[in-house]
PDB file of all heavy atoms in Angstrom:
ATOM      1  N   VAL A   1      -9.826   0.845  13.351  1.00  0.00           N
ATOM      2  CA  VAL A   1     -10.913   1.706  12.891  1.00  0.00           C
ATOM      3  C   VAL A   1     -12.224   0.950  13.027  1.00  0.00           C
ATOM      4  O   VAL A   1     -12.251  -0.286  12.909  1.00  0.00           O
ATOM      5  CB  VAL A   1     -10.668   2.166  11.436  1.00  0.00           C
ATOM      6  CG1 VAL A   1     -10.637   0.986  10.491  1.00  0.00           C
ATOM      7  CG2 VAL A   1     -11.662   3.214  11.008  1.00  0.00           C
ATOM      8  N   GLN A   2     -13.301   1.681  13.267  1.00  0.00           N
ATOM      9  CA  GLN A   2     -14.605   1.062  13.372  1.00  0.00           C
ATOM     10  C   GLN A   2     -15.161   0.734  11.985  1.00  0.00           C
ATOM     11  O   GLN A   2     -14.784   1.377  10.990  1.00  0.00           O
ATOM     12  CB  GLN A   2     -15.571   1.992  14.101  1.00  0.00           C
ATOM     13  CG  GLN A   2     -15.246   2.187  15.565  1.00  0.00           C
ATOM     14  CD  GLN A   2     -16.314   2.993  16.289  1.00  0.00           C
ATOM     15  OE1 GLN A   2     -17.118   3.693  15.681  1.00  0.00           O
ATOM     16  NE2 GLN A   2     -16.317   2.891  17.615  1.00  0.00           N
ATOM     17  N   PRO A   3     -16.038  -0.251  11.906  1.00  0.00           N
ATOM     18  CA  PRO A   3     -16.691  -0.536  10.617  1.00  0.00           C
ATOM     19  C   PRO A   3     -17.334   0.726  10.043  1.00  0.00           C
ATOM     20  O   PRO A   3     -17.966   1.498  10.775  1.00  0.00           O
ATOM     21  CB  PRO A   3     -17.737  -1.586  10.987  1.00  0.00           C
ATOM     22  CG  PRO A   3     -17.159  -2.277  12.185  1.00  0.00           C
ATOM     23  CD  PRO A   3     -16.455  -1.200  12.961  1.00  0.00           C
ATOM     24  N   GLY A   4     -17.152   0.896   8.748  1.00  0.00           N
ATOM     25  CA  GLY A   4     -17.647   2.093   8.080  1.00  0.00           C
ATOM     26  C   GLY A   4     -16.654   3.229   8.040  1.00  0.00           C
ATOM     27  O   GLY A   4     -16.873   4.232   7.339  1.00  0.00           O
ATOM     28  N   GLY A   5     -15.561   3.091   8.764  1.00  0.00           N
ATOM     29  CA  GLY A   5     -14.550   4.136   8.815  1.00  0.00           C
ATOM     30  C   GLY A   5     -13.601   4.106   7.634  1.00  0.00           C
ATOM     31  O   GLY A   5     -13.752   3.296   6.709  1.00  0.00           O
ATOM     32  N   SER A   6     -12.608   5.001   7.696  1.00  0.00           N
ATOM     33  CA  SER A   6     -11.643   5.157   6.607  1.00  0.00           C
ATOM     34  C   SER A   6     -10.221   5.178   7.138  1.00  0.00           C
ATOM     35  O   SER A   6      -9.978   5.580   8.277  1.00  0.00           O
ATOM     36  CB  SER A   6     -11.903   6.467   5.849  1.00  0.00           C
ATOM     37  OG  SER A   6     -13.181   6.491   5.259  1.00  0.00           O
ATOM     38  N   LEU A   7      -9.310   4.746   6.296  1.00  0.00           N
ATOM     39  CA  LEU A   7      -7.876   4.851   6.540  1.00  0.00           C
ATOM     40  C   LEU A   7      -7.188   5.109   5.215  1.00  0.00           C
ATOM     41  O   LEU A   7      -7.679   4.670   4.170  1.00  0.00           O
ATOM     42  CB  LEU A   7      -7.310   3.569   7.153  1.00  0.00           C
ATOM     43  CG  LEU A   7      -7.513   3.294   8.631  1.00  0.00           C
ATOM     44  CD1 LEU A   7      -6.986   1.898   8.970  1.00  0.00           C
ATOM     45  CD2 LEU A   7      -6.828   4.342   9.487  1.00  0.00           C
ATOM     46  N   LYS A   8      -6.038   5.776   5.290  1.00  0.00           N
ATOM     47  CA  LYS A   8      -5.212   5.944   4.096  1.00  0.00           C
ATOM     48  C   LYS A   8      -3.838   5.379   4.383  1.00  0.00           C
ATOM     49  O   LYS A   8      -3.132   5.844   5.282  1.00  0.00           O
ATOM     50  CB  LYS A   8      -5.102   7.407   3.691  1.00  0.00           C
ATOM     51  CG  LYS A   8      -4.361   7.602   2.376  1.00  0.00           C
ATOM     52  CD  LYS A   8      -4.382   9.041   1.916  1.00  0.00           C
ATOM     53  CE  LYS A   8      -3.730   9.224   0.557  1.00  0.00           C
ATOM     54  NZ  LYS A   8      -3.783  10.623   0.070  1.00  0.00           N
ATOM     55  N   LEU A   9      -3.462   4.366   3.610  1.00  0.00           N
ATOM     56  CA  LEU A   9      -2.154   3.757   3.734  1.00  0.00           C
ATOM     57  C   LEU A   9      -1.173   4.430   2.784  1.00  0.00           C
ATOM     58  O   LEU A   9      -1.550   4.876   1.701  1.00  0.00           O
ATOM     59  CB  LEU A   9      -2.225   2.269   3.413  1.00  0.00           C
ATOM     60  CG  LEU A   9      -3.259   1.447   4.191  1.00  0.00           C
ATOM     61  CD1 LEU A   9      -3.130  -0.027   3.812  1.00  0.00           C
ATOM     62  CD2 LEU A   9      -3.117   1.653   5.669  1.00  0.00           C
ATOM     63  N   SER A  10       0.088   4.475   3.211  1.00  0.00           N
ATOM     64  CA  SER A  10       1.149   5.043   2.390  1.00  0.00           C
ATOM     65  C   SER A  10       2.275   4.044   2.251  1.00  0.00           C
ATOM     66  O   SER A  10       2.519   3.237   3.153  1.00  0.00           O
ATOM     67  CB  SER A  10       1.691   6.324   3.027  1.00  0.00           C
ATOM     68  OG  SER A  10       0.692   7.304   3.166  1.00  0.00           O
ATOM     69  N   CYS A  11       2.976   4.129   1.143  1.00  0.00           N
ATOM     70  CA  CYS A  11       4.120   3.259   0.898  1.00  0.00           C
ATOM     71  C   CYS A  11       5.219   4.099   0.264  1.00  0.00           C
ATOM     72  O   CYS A  11       5.015   4.687  -0.812  1.00  0.00           O
ATOM     73  CB  CYS A  11       3.733   2.110  -0.016  1.00  0.00           C
ATOM     74  SG  CYS A  11       5.119   1.104  -0.578  1.00  0.00           S
ATOM     75  N   ALA A  12       6.360   4.155   0.930  1.00  0.00           N
ATOM     76  CA  ALA A  12       7.525   4.850   0.408  1.00  0.00           C
ATOM     77  C   ALA A  12       8.457   3.830  -0.221  1.00  0.00           C
ATOM     78  O   ALA A  12       8.794   2.817   0.413  1.00  0.00           O
ATOM     79  CB  ALA A  12       8.242   5.594   1.530  1.00  0.00           C
ATOM     80  N   ALA A  13       8.852   4.082  -1.459  1.00  0.00           N
ATOM     81  CA  ALA A  13       9.662   3.111  -2.195  1.00  0.00           C
ATOM     82  C   ALA A  13      10.980   3.722  -2.626  1.00  0.00           C
ATOM     83  O   ALA A  13      11.046   4.901  -2.982  1.00  0.00           O
ATOM     84  CB  ALA A  13       8.896   2.622  -3.420  1.00  0.00           C
ATOM     85  N   SER A  14      12.014   2.924  -2.643  1.00  0.00           N
ATOM     86  CA  SER A  14      13.294   3.389  -3.164  1.00  0.00           C
ATOM     87  C   SER A  14      13.220   3.481  -4.683  1.00  0.00           C
ATOM     88  O   SER A  14      12.338   2.890  -5.314  1.00  0.00           O
ATOM     89  CB  SER A  14      14.420   2.452  -2.731  1.00  0.00           C
ATOM     90  OG  SER A  14      14.148   1.134  -3.164  1.00  0.00           O
ATOM     91  N   ARG A  15      14.175   4.199  -5.248  1.00  0.00           N
ATOM     92  CA  ARG A  15      14.125   4.482  -6.679  1.00  0.00           C
ATOM     93  C   ARG A  15      14.122   3.214  -7.524  1.00  0.00           C
ATOM     94  O   ARG A  15      13.355   3.083  -8.467  1.00  0.00           O
ATOM     95  CB  ARG A  15      15.311   5.358  -7.077  1.00  0.00           C
ATOM     96  CG  ARG A  15      15.281   5.825  -8.535  1.00  0.00           C
ATOM     97  CD  ARG A  15      16.529   6.634  -8.850  1.00  0.00           C
ATOM     98  NE  ARG A  15      16.668   7.778  -7.956  1.00  0.00           N
ATOM     99  CZ  ARG A  15      16.076   8.947  -8.157  1.00  0.00           C
ATOM    100  NH1 ARG A  15      15.299   9.132  -9.215  1.00  0.00           N
ATOM    101  NH2 ARG A  15      16.253   9.936  -7.312  1.00  0.00           N
ATOM    102  N   ILE A  16      14.960   2.265  -7.162  1.00  0.00           N
ATOM    103  CA  ILE A  16      15.065   1.048  -7.971  1.00  0.00           C
ATOM    104  C   ILE A  16      13.782   0.245  -7.915  1.00  0.00           C
ATOM    105  O   ILE A  16      13.409  -0.455  -8.851  1.00  0.00           O
ATOM    106  CB  ILE A  16      16.285   0.207  -7.519  1.00  0.00           C
ATOM    107  CG1 ILE A  16      16.601  -0.877  -8.545  1.00  0.00           C
ATOM    108  CG2 ILE A  16      16.049  -0.401  -6.137  1.00  0.00           C
ATOM    109  CD1 ILE A  16      17.912  -1.606  -8.289  1.00  0.00           C
ATOM    110  N   ILE A  17      13.083   0.330  -6.788  1.00  0.00           N
ATOM    111  CA  ILE A  17      11.804  -0.374  -6.629  1.00  0.00           C
ATOM    112  C   ILE A  17      10.719   0.283  -7.467  1.00  0.00           C
ATOM    113  O   ILE A  17       9.887  -0.377  -8.082  1.00  0.00           O
ATOM    114  CB  ILE A  17      11.379  -0.369  -5.157  1.00  0.00           C
ATOM    115  CG1 ILE A  17      12.180  -1.403  -4.356  1.00  0.00           C
ATOM    116  CG2 ILE A  17       9.892  -0.606  -5.012  1.00  0.00           C
ATOM    117  CD1 ILE A  17      11.583  -2.774  -4.305  1.00  0.00           C
ATOM    118  N   PHE A  18      10.708   1.620  -7.476  1.00  0.00           N
ATOM    119  CA  PHE A  18       9.559   2.371  -7.968  1.00  0.00           C
ATOM    120  C   PHE A  18       9.633   2.707  -9.452  1.00  0.00           C
ATOM    121  O   PHE A  18       8.601   2.725 -10.134  1.00  0.00           O
ATOM    122  CB  PHE A  18       9.446   3.667  -7.154  1.00  0.00           C
ATOM    123  CG  PHE A  18       8.161   4.417  -7.368  1.00  0.00           C
ATOM    124  CD1 PHE A  18       7.046   4.126  -6.614  1.00  0.00           C
ATOM    125  CD2 PHE A  18       8.079   5.430  -8.318  1.00  0.00           C
ATOM    126  CE1 PHE A  18       5.856   4.826  -6.796  1.00  0.00           C
ATOM    127  CE2 PHE A  18       6.903   6.129  -8.507  1.00  0.00           C
ATOM    128  CZ  PHE A  18       5.783   5.828  -7.741  1.00  0.00           C
ATOM    129  N   SER A  19      10.826   2.933  -9.961  1.00  0.00           N
ATOM    130  CA  SER A  19      10.956   3.452 -11.323  1.00  0.00           C
ATOM    131  C   SER A  19      10.360   2.519 -12.362  1.00  0.00           C
ATOM    132  O   SER A  19      10.690   1.338 -12.401  1.00  0.00           O
ATOM    133  CB  SER A  19      12.435   3.682 -11.661  1.00  0.00           C
ATOM    134  OG  SER A  19      12.959   4.714 -10.906  1.00  0.00           O
ATOM    135  N   ALA A  20       9.488   3.077 -13.169  1.00  0.00           N
ATOM    136  CA  ALA A  20       8.890   2.361 -14.302  1.00  0.00           C
ATOM    137  C   ALA A  20       8.254   1.047 -13.880  1.00  0.00           C
ATOM    138  O   ALA A  20       8.291   0.061 -14.624  1.00  0.00           O
ATOM    139  CB  ALA A  20       9.923   2.120 -15.389  1.00  0.00           C
ATOM    140  N   ALA A  21       7.693   1.015 -12.684  1.00  0.00           N
ATOM    141  CA  ALA A  21       7.110  -0.235 -12.177  1.00  0.00           C
ATOM    142  C   ALA A  21       5.634  -0.081 -11.877  1.00  0.00           C
ATOM    143  O   ALA A  21       5.215   0.933 -11.297  1.00  0.00           O
ATOM    144  CB  ALA A  21       7.824  -0.669 -10.907  1.00  0.00           C
ATOM    145  N   ASP A  22       4.872  -1.091 -12.273  1.00  0.00           N
ATOM    146  CA  ASP A  22       3.528  -1.194 -11.738  1.00  0.00           C
ATOM    147  C   ASP A  22       3.643  -1.474 -10.240  1.00  0.00           C
ATOM    148  O   ASP A  22       4.492  -2.262  -9.815  1.00  0.00           O
ATOM    149  CB  ASP A  22       2.757  -2.324 -12.401  1.00  0.00           C
ATOM    150  CG  ASP A  22       2.514  -2.087 -13.883  1.00  0.00           C
ATOM    151  OD1 ASP A  22       2.779  -0.957 -14.356  1.00  0.00           O
ATOM    152  OD2 ASP A  22       2.068  -3.025 -14.567  1.00  0.00           O
ATOM    153  N   MET A  23       2.785  -0.830  -9.461  1.00  0.00           N
ATOM    154  CA  MET A  23       2.825  -1.013  -8.008  1.00  0.00           C
ATOM    155  C   MET A  23       1.513  -1.634  -7.535  1.00  0.00           C
ATOM    156  O   MET A  23       0.451  -1.401  -8.134  1.00  0.00           O
ATOM    157  CB  MET A  23       3.058   0.331  -7.308  1.00  0.00           C
ATOM    158  CG  MET A  23       4.399   0.971  -7.627  1.00  0.00           C
ATOM    159  SD  MET A  23       5.831   0.019  -7.068  1.00  0.00           S
ATOM    160  CE  MET A  23       5.630   0.112  -5.286  1.00  0.00           C
ATOM    161  N   ARG A  24       1.616  -2.402  -6.468  1.00  0.00           N
ATOM    162  CA  ARG A  24       0.451  -3.151  -5.995  1.00  0.00           C
ATOM    163  C   ARG A  24       0.316  -3.030  -4.487  1.00  0.00           C
ATOM    164  O   ARG A  24       1.316  -2.849  -3.784  1.00  0.00           O
ATOM    165  CB  ARG A  24       0.603  -4.634  -6.349  1.00  0.00           C
ATOM    166  CG  ARG A  24       0.960  -4.878  -7.799  1.00  0.00           C
ATOM    167  CD  ARG A  24       1.843  -6.096  -7.912  1.00  0.00           C
ATOM    168  NE  ARG A  24       2.082  -6.482  -9.289  1.00  0.00           N
ATOM    169  CZ  ARG A  24       2.942  -7.428  -9.647  1.00  0.00           C
ATOM    170  NH1 ARG A  24       3.626  -8.075  -8.739  1.00  0.00           N
ATOM    171  NH2 ARG A  24       3.111  -7.714 -10.910  1.00  0.00           N
ATOM    172  N   TRP A  25      -0.901  -3.192  -4.009  1.00  0.00           N
ATOM    173  CA  TRP A  25      -1.163  -3.418  -2.592  1.00  0.00           C
ATOM    174  C   TRP A  25      -1.713  -4.837  -2.436  1.00  0.00           C
ATOM    175  O   TRP A  25      -2.615  -5.243  -3.183  1.00  0.00           O
ATOM    176  CB  TRP A  25      -2.182  -2.417  -2.049  1.00  0.00           C
ATOM    177  CG  TRP A  25      -1.619  -1.075  -1.744  1.00  0.00           C
ATOM    178  CD1 TRP A  25      -1.684   0.048  -2.531  1.00  0.00           C
ATOM    179  CD2 TRP A  25      -0.906  -0.690  -0.570  1.00  0.00           C
ATOM    180  NE1 TRP A  25      -1.059   1.102  -1.919  1.00  0.00           N
ATOM    181  CE2 TRP A  25      -0.572   0.677  -0.708  1.00  0.00           C
ATOM    182  CE3 TRP A  25      -0.522  -1.343   0.600  1.00  0.00           C
ATOM    183  CZ2 TRP A  25       0.138   1.381   0.267  1.00  0.00           C
ATOM    184  CZ3 TRP A  25       0.181  -0.643   1.569  1.00  0.00           C
ATOM    185  CH2 TRP A  25       0.496   0.700   1.394  1.00  0.00           C
ATOM    186  N   TYR A  26      -1.145  -5.546  -1.483  1.00  0.00           N
ATOM    187  CA  TYR A  26      -1.611  -6.863  -1.091  1.00  0.00           C
ATOM    188  C   TYR A  26      -2.067  -6.802   0.364  1.00  0.00           C
ATOM    189  O   TYR A  26      -1.723  -5.879   1.100  1.00  0.00           O
ATOM    190  CB  TYR A  26      -0.482  -7.892  -1.177  1.00  0.00           C
ATOM    191  CG  TYR A  26      -0.114  -8.358  -2.549  1.00  0.00           C
ATOM    192  CD1 TYR A  26       0.696  -7.584  -3.378  1.00  0.00           C
ATOM    193  CD2 TYR A  26      -0.531  -9.596  -3.022  1.00  0.00           C
ATOM    194  CE1 TYR A  26       1.059  -8.025  -4.644  1.00  0.00           C
ATOM    195  CE2 TYR A  26      -0.163 -10.049  -4.288  1.00  0.00           C
ATOM    196  CZ  TYR A  26       0.631  -9.264  -5.084  1.00  0.00           C
ATOM    197  OH  TYR A  26       0.987  -9.704  -6.330  1.00  0.00           O
ATOM    198  N   ARG A  27      -2.777  -7.817   0.785  1.00  0.00           N
ATOM    199  CA  ARG A  27      -3.109  -7.970   2.202  1.00  0.00           C
ATOM    200  C   ARG A  27      -3.104  -9.449   2.575  1.00  0.00           C
ATOM    201  O   ARG A  27      -3.317 -10.318   1.735  1.00  0.00           O
ATOM    202  CB  ARG A  27      -4.458  -7.343   2.541  1.00  0.00           C
ATOM    203  CG  ARG A  27      -5.662  -8.030   1.904  1.00  0.00           C
ATOM    204  CD  ARG A  27      -6.936  -7.230   2.192  1.00  0.00           C
ATOM    205  NE  ARG A  27      -8.110  -7.834   1.584  1.00  0.00           N
ATOM    206  CZ  ARG A  27      -9.309  -7.266   1.576  1.00  0.00           C
ATOM    207  NH1 ARG A  27      -9.497  -6.069   2.146  1.00  0.00           N
ATOM    208  NH2 ARG A  27     -10.331  -7.878   1.000  1.00  0.00           N
ATOM    209  N   GLN A  28      -2.835  -9.677   3.857  1.00  0.00           N
ATOM    210  CA  GLN A  28      -2.846 -11.039   4.370  1.00  0.00           C
ATOM    211  C   GLN A  28      -3.543 -11.055   5.724  1.00  0.00           C
ATOM    212  O   GLN A  28      -3.064 -10.443   6.685  1.00  0.00           O
ATOM    213  CB  GLN A  28      -1.430 -11.600   4.496  1.00  0.00           C
ATOM    214  CG  GLN A  28      -1.392 -13.068   4.864  1.00  0.00           C
ATOM    215  CD  GLN A  28      -0.030 -13.687   4.659  1.00  0.00           C
ATOM    216  OE1 GLN A  28       0.987 -13.002   4.619  1.00  0.00           O
ATOM    217  NE2 GLN A  28      -0.007 -15.005   4.503  1.00  0.00           N
ATOM    218  N   ALA A  29      -4.669 -11.753   5.766  1.00  0.00           N
ATOM    219  CA  ALA A  29      -5.419 -11.913   6.999  1.00  0.00           C
ATOM    220  C   ALA A  29      -4.897 -13.147   7.731  1.00  0.00           C
ATOM    221  O   ALA A  29      -4.327 -14.053   7.115  1.00  0.00           O
ATOM    222  CB  ALA A  29      -6.902 -12.058   6.691  1.00  0.00           C
ATOM    223  N   PRO A  30      -5.107 -13.209   9.044  1.00  0.00           N
ATOM    224  CA  PRO A  30      -4.625 -14.366   9.813  1.00  0.00           C
ATOM    225  C   PRO A  30      -5.158 -15.681   9.245  1.00  0.00           C
ATOM    226  O   PRO A  30      -6.360 -15.818   8.993  1.00  0.00           O
ATOM    227  CB  PRO A  30      -5.176 -14.111  11.214  1.00  0.00           C
ATOM    228  CG  PRO A  30      -5.349 -12.644  11.287  1.00  0.00           C
ATOM    229  CD  PRO A  30      -5.737 -12.200   9.911  1.00  0.00           C
TER     230      PRO A  30
END
């Protein structure tokens, strides 16, 4: 995407991962 643009990320989780859990997004640059 160009600077100033937008993206929407999605994450599908299994039940054991998702239930009653705080969820986070992380990132790792080179």
